[in-house]
Amino acid sequence: MCKKTAVILICMLMMPLFGANAFAGAAKGGRELSARQAFALIPTEIFENTHSPLSEEEKDQLAEQGISAQWIMTKSRKDVLRLESADGLSRVNLRLFRSDRGAVAAFRTEDDAGECISELWFISSGGHAAPLPLPPEPPSADFFRPDRELPGRLSASCTFCVFAMGLEALPSFTSDGIPCDLATDNAVYYLWNGRNFIKKIKRVTGEKNGQ
């Protein structure tokens, strides 16, 4: 038996089994769904951003057994789920941000190039899932101090990356339509306050805070 196969078998033995009825029963019984149970309710489109897309059948197997042909569940906690492709090139993370109405399931994919892509789903207290829009992209001015001289007509295109407290906006800049690489003065976050993601600008250079 090769070392990689042995590791996979150990992961299978360590992961508890959850049947489909257990996912539905937790919601109907009024208990909070775990990140693993929420994962079982959500379609697989986020995996299309990885090297190893996931079918619905494989997702069900992964949710129940912690392992499938292409993916391994490497962490399963109440609010956090971490999945890694068998080839080690892709990762998918899920974090639950809870409220009194249910929870927001925030997915983040990462590939071997470090690209971060996120999507949001609302999970109702009754166990129903619906897609949520990401926050609006912040203007380019949010990333710079007010007195800084910037080149041309600057615009920003942002991706969002999930972290423990919410989302971070990661900008790519163009000046007069030409890509440009600029060091930013501020970081822009959308922090979970128990009900919504609220924008927070934090200074990352200089002596003062961002706002």
C-alpha atoms as a PDB file:
ATOM      1  CA  MET A   1       0.000   0.000   0.000  1.00  0.00           C
ATOM      2  CA  CYS A   2       1.457   3.405  -0.986  1.00  0.00           C
ATOM      3  CA  LYS A   3       1.792   6.158   1.586  1.00  0.00           C
ATOM      4  CA  LYS A   4      -0.830   8.388  -0.082  1.00  0.00           C
ATOM      5  CA  THR A   5      -3.418   5.594  -0.118  1.00  0.00           C
ATOM      6  CA  ALA A   6      -2.768   4.889   3.560  1.00  0.00           C
ATOM      7  CA  VAL A   7      -3.326   8.560   4.425  1.00  0.00           C
ATOM      8  CA  ILE A   8      -6.624   8.582   2.520  1.00  0.00           C
ATOM      9  CA  LEU A   9      -7.831   5.468   4.338  1.00  0.00           C
ATOM     10  CA  ILE A  10      -6.934   6.992   7.697  1.00  0.00           C
ATOM     11  CA  CYS A  11      -8.918  10.126   6.795  1.00  0.00           C
ATOM     12  CA  MET A  12     -11.925   7.962   5.944  1.00  0.00           C
ATOM     13  CA  LEU A  13     -11.764   6.193   9.296  1.00  0.00           C
ATOM     14  CA  MET A  14     -11.440   9.447  11.229  1.00  0.00           C
ATOM     15  CA  MET A  15     -14.428  11.177   9.580  1.00  0.00           C
ATOM     16  CA  PRO A  16     -17.868  10.510  11.138  1.00  0.00           C
ATOM     17  CA  LEU A  17     -20.605   9.331   8.817  1.00  0.00           C
ATOM     18  CA  PHE A  18     -23.648  11.526   8.130  1.00  0.00           C
ATOM     19  CA  GLY A  19     -26.594  10.196   6.166  1.00  0.00           C
ATOM     20  CA  ALA A  20     -28.850  12.438   4.079  1.00  0.00           C
ATOM     21  CA  ASN A  21     -31.608  12.135   6.685  1.00  0.00           C
ATOM     22  CA  ALA A  22     -29.249  13.495   9.330  1.00  0.00           C
ATOM     23  CA  PHE A  23     -28.767  16.751   7.396  1.00  0.00           C
ATOM     24  CA  ALA A  24     -32.494  17.325   7.027  1.00  0.00           C
ATOM     25  CA  GLY A  25     -33.260  16.126  10.530  1.00  0.00           C
ATOM     26  CA  ALA A  26     -30.893  18.597  12.169  1.00  0.00           C
ATOM     27  CA  ALA A  27     -32.689  21.552  10.573  1.00  0.00           C
ATOM     28  CA  LYS A  28     -36.194  20.236  11.237  1.00  0.00           C
ATOM     29  CA  GLY A  29     -35.263  19.482  14.826  1.00  0.00           C
ATOM     30  CA  GLY A  30     -34.310  23.114  15.407  1.00  0.00           C
ATOM     31  CA  ARG A  31     -30.607  22.378  15.823  1.00  0.00           C
ATOM     32  CA  GLU A  32     -28.019  24.596  14.182  1.00  0.00           C
ATOM     33  CA  LEU A  33     -26.569  23.073  11.042  1.00  0.00           C
ATOM     34  CA  SER A  34     -22.837  22.494  11.026  1.00  0.00           C
ATOM     35  CA  ALA A  35     -20.620  23.681   8.174  1.00  0.00           C
ATOM     36  CA  ARG A  36     -20.517  20.099   6.912  1.00  0.00           C
ATOM     37  CA  GLN A  37     -24.309  19.845   6.872  1.00  0.00           C
ATOM     38  CA  ALA A  38     -24.597  23.233   5.147  1.00  0.00           C
ATOM     39  CA  PHE A  39     -22.142  22.034   2.485  1.00  0.00           C
ATOM     40  CA  ALA A  40     -24.496  19.137   1.673  1.00  0.00           C
ATOM     41  CA  LEU A  41     -27.279  21.656   0.840  1.00  0.00           C
ATOM     42  CA  ILE A  42     -25.327  23.821  -1.610  1.00  0.00           C
ATOM     43  CA  PRO A  43     -24.729  23.191  -5.349  1.00  0.00           C
ATOM     44  CA  THR A  44     -21.227  22.492  -6.628  1.00  0.00           C
ATOM     45  CA  GLU A  45     -20.574  25.489  -8.927  1.00  0.00           C
ATOM     46  CA  ILE A  46     -17.787  26.872  -6.715  1.00  0.00           C
ATOM     47  CA  PHE A  47     -15.710  23.769  -7.542  1.00  0.00           C
ATOM     48  CA  GLU A  48     -15.690  24.806 -11.209  1.00  0.00           C
ATOM     49  CA  ASN A  49     -13.035  27.350 -10.187  1.00  0.00           C
ATOM     50  CA  THR A  50     -10.676  24.520  -9.207  1.00  0.00           C
ATOM     51  CA  HIS A  51      -8.682  21.860 -11.058  1.00  0.00           C
ATOM     52  CA  SER A  52     -11.174  19.198  -9.922  1.00  0.00           C
ATOM     53  CA  PRO A  53     -14.873  20.017 -10.552  1.00  0.00           C
ATOM     54  CA  LEU A  54     -17.309  18.135  -8.326  1.00  0.00           C
ATOM     55  CA  SER A  55     -20.475  16.319  -9.383  1.00  0.00           C
ATOM     56  CA  GLU A  56     -23.566  16.301  -7.157  1.00  0.00           C
ATOM     57  CA  GLU A  57     -23.095  12.577  -6.550  1.00  0.00           C
ATOM     58  CA  GLU A  58     -19.484  13.068  -5.483  1.00  0.00           C
ATOM     59  CA  LYS A  59     -20.525  15.988  -3.270  1.00  0.00           C
ATOM     60  CA  ASP A  60     -23.035  13.759  -1.455  1.00  0.00           C
ATOM     61  CA  GLN A  61     -20.341  11.140  -0.919  1.00  0.00           C
ATOM     62  CA  LEU A  62     -17.894  13.774   0.310  1.00  0.00           C
ATOM     63  CA  ALA A  63     -20.446  15.209   2.762  1.00  0.00           C
ATOM     64  CA  GLU A  64     -21.365  11.784   4.136  1.00  0.00           C
ATOM     65  CA  GLN A  65     -17.992  10.025   4.181  1.00  0.00           C
ATOM     66  CA  GLY A  66     -15.421  12.839   4.224  1.00  0.00           C
ATOM     67  CA  ILE A  67     -13.719  11.566   1.092  1.00  0.00           C
ATOM     68  CA  SER A  68     -14.462  11.081  -2.609  1.00  0.00           C
ATOM     69  CA  ALA A  69     -12.528  10.153  -5.725  1.00  0.00           C
ATOM     70  CA  GLN A  70     -11.057  13.663  -6.130  1.00  0.00           C
ATOM     71  CA  TRP A  71     -11.484  15.404  -2.756  1.00  0.00           C
ATOM     72  CA  ILE A  72     -10.630  14.901   0.931  1.00  0.00           C
ATOM     73  CA  MET A  73     -12.208  16.678   3.897  1.00  0.00           C
ATOM     74  CA  THR A  74      -9.215  17.808   5.961  1.00  0.00           C
ATOM     75  CA  LYS A  75     -11.114  19.847   8.593  1.00  0.00           C
ATOM     76  CA  SER A  76     -14.719  19.604   9.796  1.00  0.00           C
ATOM     77  CA  ARG A  77     -15.774  21.883  12.648  1.00  0.00           C
ATOM     78  CA  LYS A  78     -19.049  23.559  13.582  1.00  0.00           C
ATOM     79  CA  ASP A  79     -18.446  26.715  11.535  1.00  0.00           C
ATOM     80  CA  VAL A  80     -15.503  25.727   9.323  1.00  0.00           C
ATOM     81  CA  LEU A  81     -15.006  23.128   6.598  1.00  0.00           C
ATOM     82  CA  ARG A  82     -11.796  22.620   4.633  1.00  0.00           C
ATOM     83  CA  LEU A  83     -11.555  20.454   1.515  1.00  0.00           C
ATOM     84  CA  GLU A  84      -8.446  19.628  -0.499  1.00  0.00           C
ATOM     85  CA  SER A  85      -8.185  17.955  -3.885  1.00  0.00           C
ATOM     86  CA  ALA A  86      -6.444  14.586  -3.978  1.00  0.00           C
ATOM     87  CA  ASP A  87      -3.670  16.031  -6.161  1.00  0.00           C
ATOM     88  CA  GLY A  88      -3.055  18.797  -3.596  1.00  0.00           C
ATOM     89  CA  LEU A  89      -3.491  21.580  -6.183  1.00  0.00           C
ATOM     90  CA  SER A  90      -6.830  23.037  -5.066  1.00  0.00           C
ATOM     91  CA  ARG A  91      -8.531  23.941  -1.801  1.00  0.00           C
ATOM     92  CA  VAL A  92     -12.097  24.897  -0.952  1.00  0.00           C
ATOM     93  CA  ASN A  93     -12.956  26.435   2.406  1.00  0.00           C
ATOM     94  CA  LEU A  94     -16.409  27.042   3.853  1.00  0.00           C
ATOM     95  CA  ARG A  95     -17.118  29.290   6.837  1.00  0.00           C
ATOM     96  CA  LEU A  96     -20.510  29.915   8.428  1.00  0.00           C
ATOM     97  CA  PHE A  97     -21.409  33.405   9.630  1.00  0.00           C
ATOM     98  CA  ARG A  98     -24.429  32.952  11.872  1.00  0.00           C
ATOM     99  CA  SER A  99     -27.404  35.198  12.630  1.00  0.00           C
ATOM    100  CA  ASP A 100     -30.765  34.783  14.327  1.00  0.00           C
ATOM    101  CA  ARG A 101     -32.323  34.117  10.896  1.00  0.00           C
ATOM    102  CA  GLY A 102     -29.965  31.342   9.855  1.00  0.00           C
ATOM    103  CA  ALA A 103     -26.420  31.541   8.514  1.00  0.00           C
ATOM    104  CA  VAL A 104     -24.411  32.808   5.581  1.00  0.00           C
ATOM    105  CA  ALA A 105     -22.178  30.109   4.102  1.00  0.00           C
ATOM    106  CA  ALA A 106     -19.105  31.757   2.588  1.00  0.00           C
ATOM    107  CA  PHE A 107     -17.051  29.634   0.186  1.00  0.00           C
ATOM    108  CA  ARG A 108     -13.480  30.371  -0.825  1.00  0.00           C
ATOM    109  CA  THR A 109     -11.519  28.521  -3.463  1.00  0.00           C
ATOM    110  CA  GLU A 110      -7.756  28.634  -3.820  1.00  0.00           C
ATOM    111  CA  ASP A 111      -5.655  27.065  -6.551  1.00  0.00           C
ATOM    112  CA  ASP A 112      -1.926  26.480  -6.838  1.00  0.00           C
ATOM    113  CA  ALA A 113      -1.502  30.026  -8.167  1.00  0.00           C
ATOM    114  CA  GLY A 114      -3.036  31.436  -4.973  1.00  0.00           C
ATOM    115  CA  GLU A 115      -6.101  32.857  -6.722  1.00  0.00           C
ATOM    116  CA  CYS A 116      -8.958  33.459  -4.284  1.00  0.00           C
ATOM    117  CA  ILE A 117     -12.597  33.352  -5.474  1.00  0.00           C
ATOM    118  CA  SER A 118     -15.558  33.508  -3.102  1.00  0.00           C
ATOM    119  CA  GLU A 119     -19.324  33.093  -3.178  1.00  0.00           C
ATOM    120  CA  LEU A 120     -22.073  33.416  -0.577  1.00  0.00           C
ATOM    121  CA  TRP A 121     -25.137  31.323   0.238  1.00  0.00           C
ATOM    122  CA  PHE A 122     -27.879  31.945   2.780  1.00  0.00           C
ATOM    123  CA  ILE A 123     -28.869  28.893   4.820  1.00  0.00           C
ATOM    124  CA  SER A 124     -32.245  29.380   6.518  1.00  0.00           C
ATOM    125  CA  SER A 125     -33.019  27.987   9.951  1.00  0.00           C
ATOM    126  CA  GLY A 126     -35.240  25.487   8.129  1.00  0.00           C
ATOM    127  CA  GLY A 127     -32.336  24.129   6.081  1.00  0.00           C
ATOM    128  CA  HIS A 128     -33.016  25.842   2.729  1.00  0.00           C
ATOM    129  CA  ALA A 129     -30.149  27.298   0.682  1.00  0.00           C
ATOM    130  CA  ALA A 130     -30.265  30.319  -1.638  1.00  0.00           C
ATOM    131  CA  PRO A 131     -27.432  32.243  -3.345  1.00  0.00           C
ATOM    132  CA  LEU A 132     -26.509  35.695  -2.034  1.00  0.00           C
ATOM    133  CA  PRO A 133     -24.750  38.494  -3.944  1.00  0.00           C
ATOM    134  CA  LEU A 134     -21.299  39.541  -2.866  1.00  0.00           C
ATOM    135  CA  PRO A 135     -20.958  43.114  -1.539  1.00  0.00           C
ATOM    136  CA  PRO A 136     -20.621  45.840  -4.163  1.00  0.00           C
ATOM    137  CA  GLU A 137     -17.061  46.422  -5.288  1.00  0.00           C
ATOM    138  CA  PRO A 138     -15.513  49.367  -3.421  1.00  0.00           C
ATOM    139  CA  PRO A 139     -14.305  52.386  -5.434  1.00  0.00           C
ATOM    140  CA  SER A 140     -10.590  52.617  -6.137  1.00  0.00           C
ATOM    141  CA  ALA A 141     -10.335  55.652  -3.815  1.00  0.00           C
ATOM    142  CA  ASP A 142     -11.009  53.395  -0.800  1.00  0.00           C
ATOM    143  CA  PHE A 143      -7.577  51.805  -1.237  1.00  0.00           C
ATOM    144  CA  PHE A 144      -5.525  55.044  -1.126  1.00  0.00           C
ATOM    145  CA  ARG A 145      -4.987  57.980   1.221  1.00  0.00           C
ATOM    146  CA  PRO A 146      -6.827  61.125   0.078  1.00  0.00           C
ATOM    147  CA  ASP A 147      -3.678  63.178  -0.631  1.00  0.00           C
ATOM    148  CA  ARG A 148      -1.982  60.581  -2.809  1.00  0.00           C
ATOM    149  CA  GLU A 149      -1.396  61.369  -6.487  1.00  0.00           C
ATOM    150  CA  LEU A 150      -2.692  58.549  -8.671  1.00  0.00           C
ATOM    151  CA  PRO A 151      -2.042  57.883 -12.363  1.00  0.00           C
ATOM    152  CA  GLY A 152      -4.665  58.782 -14.975  1.00  0.00           C
ATOM    153  CA  ARG A 153      -8.265  57.661 -14.681  1.00  0.00           C
ATOM    154  CA  LEU A 154      -7.845  54.881 -12.151  1.00  0.00           C
ATOM    155  CA  SER A 155     -10.391  52.121 -11.690  1.00  0.00           C
ATOM    156  CA  ALA A 156     -10.392  48.961  -9.594  1.00  0.00           C
ATOM    157  CA  SER A 157     -11.783  45.490 -10.223  1.00  0.00           C
ATOM    158  CA  CYS A 158     -12.081  43.469  -7.031  1.00  0.00           C
ATOM    159  CA  THR A 159     -12.343  39.856  -6.023  1.00  0.00           C
ATOM    160  CA  PHE A 160     -13.443  38.889  -2.519  1.00  0.00           C
ATOM    161  CA  CYS A 161     -11.619  36.503  -0.210  1.00  0.00           C
ATOM    162  CA  VAL A 162     -13.209  34.945   2.893  1.00  0.00           C
ATOM    163  CA  PHE A 163     -11.351  35.085   6.192  1.00  0.00           C
ATOM    164  CA  ALA A 164     -12.309  34.497   9.832  1.00  0.00           C
ATOM    165  CA  MET A 165     -14.167  37.803  10.359  1.00  0.00           C
ATOM    166  CA  GLY A 166     -15.748  38.314   6.938  1.00  0.00           C
ATOM    167  CA  LEU A 167     -14.522  39.236   3.455  1.00  0.00           C
ATOM    168  CA  GLU A 168     -11.533  41.132   2.124  1.00  0.00           C
ATOM    169  CA  ALA A 169     -11.689  43.017  -1.186  1.00  0.00           C
ATOM    170  CA  LEU A 170      -8.596  42.331  -3.312  1.00  0.00           C
ATOM    171  CA  PRO A 171      -8.157  44.967  -6.054  1.00  0.00           C
ATOM    172  CA  SER A 172      -6.642  44.907  -9.516  1.00  0.00           C
ATOM    173  CA  PHE A 173      -6.109  48.386 -10.982  1.00  0.00           C
ATOM    174  CA  THR A 174      -6.210  49.858 -14.456  1.00  0.00           C
ATOM    175  CA  SER A 175      -5.250  53.398 -15.456  1.00  0.00           C
ATOM    176  CA  ASP A 176      -6.914  54.658 -18.621  1.00  0.00           C
ATOM    177  CA  GLY A 177      -7.676  51.009 -19.362  1.00  0.00           C
ATOM    178  CA  ILE A 178      -4.062  49.831 -18.942  1.00  0.00           C
ATOM    179  CA  PRO A 179      -3.283  47.407 -16.055  1.00  0.00           C
ATOM    180  CA  CYS A 180      -1.058  48.950 -13.407  1.00  0.00           C
ATOM    181  CA  ASP A 181       0.555  47.598 -10.267  1.00  0.00           C
ATOM    182  CA  LEU A 182       0.051  49.950  -7.319  1.00  0.00           C
ATOM    183  CA  ALA A 183       0.845  49.459  -3.643  1.00  0.00           C
ATOM    184  CA  THR A 184      -2.259  50.304  -1.608  1.00  0.00           C
ATOM    185  CA  ASP A 185      -2.473  52.475   1.503  1.00  0.00           C
ATOM    186  CA  ASN A 186      -5.631  50.845   2.846  1.00  0.00           C
ATOM    187  CA  ALA A 187      -7.204  47.403   3.076  1.00  0.00           C
ATOM    188  CA  VAL A 188     -10.960  47.130   2.551  1.00  0.00           C
ATOM    189  CA  TYR A 189     -12.887  44.578   4.574  1.00  0.00           C
ATOM    190  CA  TYR A 190     -16.540  43.599   4.892  1.00  0.00           C
ATOM    191  CA  LEU A 191     -16.883  42.420   8.485  1.00  0.00           C
ATOM    192  CA  TRP A 192     -19.776  40.283   9.750  1.00  0.00           C
ATOM    193  CA  ASN A 193     -21.731  42.043  12.506  1.00  0.00           C
ATOM    194  CA  GLY A 194     -24.195  39.224  13.203  1.00  0.00           C
ATOM    195  CA  ARG A 195     -26.604  40.385  10.526  1.00  0.00           C
ATOM    196  CA  ASN A 196     -24.734  41.921   7.563  1.00  0.00           C
ATOM    197  CA  PHE A 197     -21.281  42.445   6.108  1.00  0.00           C
ATOM    198  CA  ILE A 198     -20.256  46.028   6.981  1.00  0.00           C
ATOM    199  CA  LYS A 199     -17.465  47.791   5.078  1.00  0.00           C
ATOM    200  CA  LYS A 200     -14.384  48.722   7.101  1.00  0.00           C
ATOM    201  CA  ILE A 201     -11.356  50.547   5.700  1.00  0.00           C
ATOM    202  CA  LYS A 202      -8.098  49.946   7.555  1.00  0.00           C
ATOM    203  CA  ARG A 203      -4.866  51.826   6.993  1.00  0.00           C
ATOM    204  CA  VAL A 204      -2.018  49.455   6.135  1.00  0.00           C
ATOM    205  CA  THR A 205       0.708  52.127   5.654  1.00  0.00           C
ATOM    206  CA  GLY A 206       1.548  55.199   7.686  1.00  0.00           C
ATOM    207  CA  GLU A 207       0.761  55.985  11.288  1.00  0.00           C
ATOM    208  CA  LYS A 208      -3.029  56.455  11.292  1.00  0.00           C
ATOM    209  CA  ASN A 209      -5.934  54.086  10.842  1.00  0.00           C
ATOM    210  CA  GLY A 210      -7.780  54.074   7.554  1.00  0.00           C
ATOM    211  CA  GLN A 211     -11.092  55.841   8.168  1.00  0.00           C
END
